[in-house]
Amino acid sequence: MSAHRIGIMGCGARGRAFAAAVASLDAAEMIACVDEDLAAAQALAGEFGGQAVASWADQALNTLIMATPCLDAATLQSATQAGIHVLVDPPLARGVVEARRTARTAEGLPGRVGVAFEWRFQPLVRLLRAVVPKPRFAHLVTAVDAGPPQAPLSVRDTAWTTPHHALDLLMHLFGGEPAEIVADGGPLPDPTQGPATAVVPPRADALAAELYFDRERHAALTAAGGGADPKFGSVVLDLTDGKTRIRVWSDWTAAEILPLDGRSVDPPRLSGLTLEREGRAWMARAEPDSQALADLVLAFVDADPGGVSVPGAADGARAVALTRAVLAGAASGRSQTLRAA
């Protein structure tokens, strides 16, 4: 069977991460590195293969990965009309109306659209979904690169990077949108209190949000500017169903599975993970590599992946609506209630 022919549009750091993921797959072949900056396209093609071009239109592609800073909706529509599958690096848009319009446009066209929320494909996420399929509470803490201290970006301005992935993951874990959001801005850590916050510029715009799915289930998100914690990394997730608690840290490479109330748990053995018993708890570890992104690309190009499905355009639109609601809550101090799209 011939390899799936892939082009990458946008040859910056994110495009390079996708190119490395494609290069790791036997089922995929890099055909085109697309960028208006031909030097960037040539550099990517020289490392991972394919032809450096300024346009995808004349390339015989099966899939186009769009890793540009902002989504070009016209390109997305043209490619899907031509029968090309398009994998979009989120966000789908930065406005709810535009995101929903893009999702509706993608419906019924020959090419399908996927949104690259790669956190869903982390091996430890697969494990915690198997152990705690119906969580009641979760708290996700993430650090955001807020730019250099001399010209710091707001955490709100960078909410379309890591926090956007975090919000999609919480919807994935809880099986849908929250019914209500309470969000607020809060002070960032004091930069004098140690190395974990030494790079944080003085700025009071951390994001804190409570997501209420129903009366018994809710999640909390905390996103603050600054560098990763040297011990726990830039992402920490704590999740429980009242019977078992799972804590993930070190950027998706380590997790503790702790049964509560004297219970016992026998976690499943999954590829890419090692398990070790420590008293009543289990320690799970994953290799610190880009396997999640490679698994996402493979699931998108594979007609029958048999695992986690790649989020579609409708999922991307829901993530935009959720991010906007959190930002609105933080700006106004008022609860935001989501309505069905």
Protein backbone atom coordinates (compact mmCIF):
# COMPACT_ATOMS: atom_id res chain seq x y z
CA MET A 1 0.00 0.00 0.00
CA SER A 2 1.38 3.43 -0.94
CA ALA A 3 2.25 5.89 1.79
CA HIS A 4 -0.14 8.71 2.65
CA ARG A 5 1.08 11.88 0.93
CA ILE A 6 1.32 14.83 3.33
CA GLY A 7 2.09 18.51 2.92
CA ILE A 8 2.78 20.91 5.79
CA MET A 9 1.74 24.54 5.44
CA GLY A 10 3.69 26.75 7.84
CA CYS A 11 7.34 25.85 8.34
CA GLY A 12 7.99 27.41 11.75
CA ALA A 13 8.51 25.61 15.05
CA ARG A 14 5.07 23.99 15.03
CA GLY A 15 5.44 22.89 11.42
CA ARG A 16 8.77 21.33 12.32
CA ALA A 17 7.11 19.34 15.14
CA PHE A 18 4.55 18.00 12.67
CA ALA A 19 7.29 17.19 10.15
CA ALA A 20 9.15 15.15 12.76
CA ALA A 21 5.93 13.29 13.57
CA VAL A 22 5.29 12.54 9.88
CA ALA A 23 8.89 11.35 9.42
CA SER A 24 8.42 8.82 12.24
CA LEU A 25 5.49 7.11 10.49
CA ASP A 26 5.86 4.31 7.93
CA ALA A 27 2.37 5.03 6.63
CA ALA A 28 3.10 8.66 5.71
CA GLU A 29 5.37 10.47 3.28
CA MET A 30 6.33 14.15 3.31
CA ILE A 31 5.58 15.60 -0.14
CA ALA A 32 5.58 19.37 0.31
CA CYS A 33 6.82 21.99 2.77
CA VAL A 34 4.67 25.04 2.06
CA ASP A 35 5.56 28.56 3.16
CA GLU A 36 5.68 32.04 1.65
CA ASP A 37 9.15 32.20 3.20
CA LEU A 38 10.88 29.77 0.83
CA ALA A 39 14.02 29.75 2.99
CA ALA A 40 11.98 28.32 5.88
CA ALA A 41 10.35 25.80 3.53
CA GLN A 42 13.73 24.75 2.14
CA ALA A 43 15.18 24.31 5.62
CA LEU A 44 12.28 22.03 6.63
CA ALA A 45 12.42 20.07 3.36
CA GLY A 46 16.18 19.64 3.71
CA GLU A 47 15.71 18.03 7.11
CA PHE A 48 12.54 15.96 6.59
CA GLY A 49 12.13 15.59 2.82
CA GLY A 50 9.57 16.83 0.35
CA GLN A 51 9.60 19.80 -2.00
CA ALA A 52 9.87 23.39 -0.76
CA VAL A 53 7.01 25.35 -2.38
CA ALA A 54 5.05 28.55 -1.86
CA SER A 55 1.64 26.93 -2.58
CA TRP A 56 0.03 23.56 -1.92
CA ALA A 57 -2.26 23.80 -4.95
CA ASP A 58 -0.08 21.94 -7.47
CA GLN A 59 0.90 19.13 -5.10
CA ALA A 60 -0.71 15.68 -5.23
CA LEU A 61 -1.61 15.55 -1.54
CA ASN A 62 -3.81 13.28 0.50
CA THR A 63 -3.51 15.48 3.62
CA LEU A 64 -2.54 19.09 4.26
CA ILE A 65 -1.41 19.99 7.78
CA MET A 66 -2.02 23.69 8.44
CA ALA A 67 0.48 24.87 11.06
CA THR A 68 0.29 28.59 10.33
CA PRO A 69 -0.15 31.11 13.19
CA CYS A 70 -3.65 31.98 11.95
CA LEU A 71 -5.96 29.71 10.00
CA ASP A 72 -6.63 30.71 6.39
CA ALA A 73 -10.30 29.75 6.02
CA ALA A 74 -10.18 30.15 2.22
CA THR A 75 -7.31 27.66 1.96
CA LEU A 76 -9.16 25.25 4.25
CA GLN A 77 -12.26 25.41 2.05
CA SER A 78 -10.33 25.11 -1.21
CA ALA A 79 -8.37 22.09 0.00
CA THR A 80 -11.40 20.23 1.35
CA GLN A 81 -13.36 20.99 -1.83
CA ALA A 82 -10.49 19.37 -3.74
CA GLY A 83 -10.90 16.23 -1.62
CA ILE A 84 -7.80 16.84 0.50
CA HIS A 85 -8.03 16.05 4.19
CA VAL A 86 -6.91 18.98 6.35
CA LEU A 87 -5.47 18.77 9.85
CA VAL A 88 -5.63 22.20 11.49
CA ASP A 89 -3.33 23.27 14.28
CA PRO A 90 -5.71 24.94 16.74
CA PRO A 91 -7.37 27.29 17.16
CA LEU A 92 -9.91 26.92 14.37
CA ALA A 93 -10.53 30.67 14.76
CA ARG A 94 -10.40 33.29 17.51
CA GLY A 95 -14.04 34.24 17.30
CA VAL A 96 -17.06 32.02 17.98
CA VAL A 97 -19.03 33.12 14.91
CA GLU A 98 -16.05 32.60 12.61
CA ALA A 99 -15.24 29.21 14.13
CA ARG A 100 -18.82 27.97 13.75
CA ARG A 101 -18.94 29.29 10.18
CA THR A 102 -15.74 27.42 9.37
CA ALA A 103 -17.12 24.23 10.93
CA ARG A 104 -20.34 24.50 8.90
CA THR A 105 -18.36 25.17 5.72
CA ALA A 106 -16.41 21.95 6.23
CA GLU A 107 -19.60 19.87 6.42
CA GLY A 108 -20.41 17.86 3.32
CA LEU A 109 -17.16 18.56 1.46
CA PRO A 110 -15.10 15.67 0.05
CA GLY A 111 -12.11 16.32 2.30
CA ARG A 112 -12.53 16.03 6.06
CA VAL A 113 -11.18 18.41 8.68
CA GLY A 114 -9.40 17.48 11.90
CA VAL A 115 -8.15 19.70 14.72
CA ALA A 116 -4.78 18.85 16.27
CA PHE A 117 -5.57 18.73 19.98
CA GLU A 118 -2.66 16.40 20.67
CA TRP A 119 -3.12 16.20 24.46
CA ARG A 120 -5.93 13.73 23.83
CA PHE A 121 -3.31 11.36 22.42
CA GLN A 122 -0.89 11.41 25.34
CA PRO A 123 -0.35 7.82 26.58
CA LEU A 124 -1.10 8.89 30.17
CA VAL A 125 -4.41 10.42 29.04
CA ARG A 126 -5.36 7.07 27.51
CA LEU A 127 -4.48 5.44 30.84
CA LEU A 128 -6.47 7.80 33.02
CA ARG A 129 -9.52 7.49 30.75
CA ALA A 130 -9.30 3.72 31.15
CA VAL A 131 -8.95 3.90 34.95
CA VAL A 132 -11.34 6.84 35.56
CA PRO A 133 -13.81 6.86 32.65
CA LYS A 134 -16.34 9.05 34.53
CA PRO A 135 -14.47 11.72 36.49
CA ARG A 136 -16.22 13.89 39.04
CA PHE A 137 -13.52 16.48 39.60
CA ALA A 138 -10.33 17.59 37.86
CA HIS A 139 -7.85 20.41 38.34
CA LEU A 140 -5.49 21.25 35.51
CA VAL A 141 -2.62 23.70 36.11
CA THR A 142 -0.56 24.94 33.19
CA ALA A 143 2.24 27.45 32.67
CA VAL A 144 2.08 29.79 29.68
CA ASP A 145 5.01 31.32 27.87
CA ALA A 146 4.17 34.97 28.33
CA GLY A 147 7.09 36.37 26.35
CA PRO A 148 10.19 38.28 27.46
CA PRO A 149 9.90 40.48 30.56
CA GLN A 150 10.65 43.63 28.58
CA ALA A 151 7.54 43.13 26.43
CA PRO A 152 5.37 40.56 28.21
CA LEU A 153 2.30 39.17 26.50
CA SER A 154 -0.83 38.78 28.55
CA VAL A 155 -1.89 35.29 29.62
CA ARG A 156 -5.20 36.19 27.99
CA ASP A 157 -3.40 36.88 24.71
CA THR A 158 -1.68 33.49 24.89
CA ALA A 159 -4.82 31.60 25.94
CA TRP A 160 -4.97 30.22 22.39
CA THR A 161 -1.90 28.07 23.01
CA THR A 162 -1.58 25.83 26.06
CA PRO A 163 -4.85 26.80 27.84
CA HIS A 164 -6.78 26.17 24.62
CA HIS A 165 -5.47 22.60 24.59
CA ALA A 166 -6.24 22.30 28.31
CA LEU A 167 -9.87 23.31 27.84
CA ASP A 168 -10.33 20.84 24.99
CA LEU A 169 -8.82 18.08 27.14
CA LEU A 170 -11.23 18.81 30.00
CA MET A 171 -14.19 18.56 27.58
CA HIS A 172 -12.71 15.30 26.30
CA LEU A 173 -12.38 13.86 29.80
CA PHE A 174 -15.84 14.95 30.96
CA GLY A 175 -17.61 14.06 27.72
CA GLY A 176 -18.90 17.45 26.59
CA GLU A 177 -19.20 21.15 27.27
CA PRO A 178 -19.66 22.57 30.76
CA ALA A 179 -23.08 24.04 31.49
CA GLU A 180 -21.59 27.01 33.32
CA ILE A 181 -18.22 28.74 33.65
CA VAL A 182 -16.99 30.97 36.45
CA ALA A 183 -13.67 32.57 35.54
CA ASP A 184 -11.55 35.28 37.06
CA GLY A 185 -8.14 36.87 36.78
CA GLY A 186 -5.77 36.50 39.69
CA PRO A 187 -2.28 37.56 40.72
CA LEU A 188 0.67 35.76 39.24
CA PRO A 189 3.23 34.14 41.55
CA ASP A 190 5.67 36.45 43.27
CA PRO A 191 8.86 36.40 41.13
CA THR A 192 10.96 36.70 44.30
CA GLN A 193 9.80 33.38 45.71
CA GLY A 194 12.16 30.99 43.95
CA PRO A 195 13.38 29.64 40.62
CA ALA A 196 10.00 28.33 39.48
CA THR A 197 8.68 31.89 39.16
CA ALA A 198 11.91 33.79 38.53
CA VAL A 199 11.04 34.45 34.88
CA VAL A 200 7.52 35.70 35.60
CA PRO A 201 7.18 39.43 34.87
CA PRO A 202 5.09 41.41 37.38
CA ARG A 203 1.59 41.19 35.93
CA ALA A 204 -1.77 40.39 37.51
CA ASP A 205 -3.55 38.46 34.79
CA ALA A 206 -3.39 34.77 35.54
CA LEU A 207 -6.48 32.84 34.43
CA ALA A 208 -8.52 30.81 36.89
CA ALA A 209 -11.72 29.10 35.75
CA GLU A 210 -14.27 26.71 37.25
CA LEU A 211 -16.15 24.60 34.71
CA TYR A 212 -19.43 23.11 35.98
CA PHE A 213 -20.65 20.20 33.86
CA ASP A 214 -23.58 19.38 36.16
CA ARG A 215 -24.34 19.47 39.89
CA GLU A 216 -21.90 16.66 40.69
CA ARG A 217 -19.08 17.12 38.19
CA HIS A 218 -16.78 20.07 37.70
CA ALA A 219 -13.24 20.94 36.70
CA ALA A 220 -10.87 23.80 37.49
CA LEU A 221 -8.26 25.37 35.24
CA THR A 222 -5.38 27.57 36.36
CA ALA A 223 -3.13 29.15 33.72
CA ALA A 224 -0.37 31.58 34.66
CA GLY A 225 2.51 33.15 32.80
CA GLY A 226 6.04 32.05 33.50
CA GLY A 227 8.38 29.13 33.14
CA ALA A 228 7.63 25.51 33.94
CA ASP A 229 8.03 24.28 37.50
CA PRO A 230 11.44 22.53 37.66
CA LYS A 231 9.90 19.54 39.47
CA PHE A 232 6.45 19.19 37.94
CA GLY A 233 6.87 20.69 34.47
CA SER A 234 4.42 23.02 32.73
CA VAL A 235 1.31 20.81 33.06
CA VAL A 236 -0.16 19.14 36.16
CA LEU A 237 -3.49 17.32 36.06
CA ASP A 238 -5.29 15.98 39.14
CA LEU A 239 -8.43 13.91 38.49
CA THR A 240 -10.75 11.66 40.52
CA ASP A 241 -14.07 9.85 40.36
CA GLY A 242 -14.29 9.55 44.15
CA LYS A 243 -12.87 6.03 44.09
CA THR A 244 -9.48 6.53 42.44
CA ARG A 245 -7.24 9.57 42.14
CA ILE A 246 -4.77 10.07 39.29
CA ARG A 247 -2.19 12.82 39.25
CA VAL A 248 -0.19 13.51 36.07
CA TRP A 249 2.89 15.74 35.95
CA SER A 250 6.30 16.27 34.33
CA ASP A 251 4.70 17.23 31.02
CA TRP A 252 2.81 13.97 30.55
CA THR A 253 5.68 11.67 31.50
CA ALA A 254 4.73 10.62 35.06
CA ALA A 255 1.52 9.75 36.89
CA GLU A 256 0.43 8.32 40.23
CA ILE A 257 -2.67 6.14 40.44
CA LEU A 258 -4.00 6.03 44.01
CA PRO A 259 -7.08 4.00 45.02
CA LEU A 260 -9.12 5.65 47.77
CA ASP A 261 -10.87 4.26 50.88
CA GLY A 262 -8.75 1.12 51.03
CA ARG A 263 -9.71 0.01 47.56
CA SER A 264 -7.36 -1.63 45.07
CA VAL A 265 -6.86 -0.94 41.39
CA ASP A 266 -5.28 -2.94 38.59
CA PRO A 267 -4.52 -0.47 35.76
CA PRO A 268 -4.40 -1.80 32.20
CA ARG A 269 -1.06 -2.30 30.46
CA LEU A 270 -0.91 0.10 27.52
CA SER A 271 1.75 0.54 24.87
CA GLY A 272 4.20 3.33 25.54
CA LEU A 273 3.80 3.13 29.32
CA THR A 274 5.58 1.36 32.18
CA LEU A 275 3.81 0.57 35.47
CA GLU A 276 5.38 -0.01 38.86
CA ARG A 277 3.66 -0.77 42.17
CA GLU A 278 4.50 1.50 45.12
CA GLY A 279 2.50 0.38 48.15
CA ARG A 280 -1.20 0.84 47.37
CA ALA A 281 -0.39 3.19 44.51
CA TRP A 282 0.88 2.62 40.99
CA MET A 283 3.43 4.79 39.23
CA ALA A 284 3.03 5.11 35.46
CA ARG A 285 5.72 6.59 33.21
CA ALA A 286 5.90 7.53 29.55
CA GLU A 287 8.85 8.42 27.41
CA PRO A 288 9.36 12.19 26.96
CA ASP A 289 9.06 12.32 23.18
CA SER A 290 6.68 13.52 20.48
CA GLN A 291 4.76 10.26 20.28
CA ALA A 292 1.43 11.96 21.03
CA LEU A 293 1.72 14.14 17.93
CA ALA A 294 2.76 11.16 15.81
CA ASP A 295 -0.21 9.15 17.14
CA LEU A 296 -2.54 12.02 16.29
CA VAL A 297 -1.22 12.27 12.72
CA LEU A 298 -1.43 8.48 12.31
CA ALA A 299 -5.01 8.45 13.58
CA PHE A 300 -5.89 11.17 11.08
CA VAL A 301 -4.37 9.47 8.04
CA ASP A 302 -5.47 5.94 9.03
CA ALA A 303 -8.89 5.05 7.68
CA ASP A 304 -9.48 2.70 10.62
CA PRO A 305 -7.39 3.92 13.59
CA GLY A 306 -9.20 1.77 16.16
CA GLY A 307 -8.38 4.19 18.98
CA VAL A 308 -9.03 7.79 19.95
CA SER A 309 -10.63 9.68 17.08
CA VAL A 310 -9.16 12.96 15.93
CA PRO A 311 -11.29 15.96 16.97
CA GLY A 312 -13.22 17.43 14.06
CA ALA A 313 -14.21 20.95 13.06
CA ALA A 314 -17.21 20.90 15.41
CA ASP A 315 -14.88 20.05 18.31
CA GLY A 316 -12.64 22.93 17.28
CA ALA A 317 -15.61 25.32 17.28
CA ARG A 318 -16.67 24.15 20.75
CA ALA A 319 -13.14 24.74 22.05
CA VAL A 320 -13.19 28.27 20.65
CA ALA A 321 -16.56 28.94 22.32
CA LEU A 322 -15.24 27.60 25.62
CA THR A 323 -12.05 29.66 25.44
CA ARG A 324 -14.03 32.77 24.65
CA ALA A 325 -16.39 32.10 27.56
CA VAL A 326 -13.47 31.71 29.97
CA LEU A 327 -11.88 34.94 28.73
CA ALA A 328 -15.21 36.76 29.00
CA GLY A 329 -15.68 35.48 32.53
CA ALA A 330 -12.20 36.60 33.51
CA ALA A 331 -12.73 40.04 31.99
CA SER A 332 -16.21 40.66 33.43
CA GLY A 333 -16.10 38.72 36.70
CA ARG A 334 -19.46 37.21 35.80
CA SER A 335 -20.49 33.61 35.22
CA GLN A 336 -20.82 32.56 31.59
CA THR A 337 -23.52 30.05 30.63
CA LEU A 338 -22.95 28.14 27.40
CA ARG A 339 -25.83 27.49 25.04
CA ALA A 340 -25.96 24.67 22.53
CA ALA A 341 -24.26 25.61 19.26
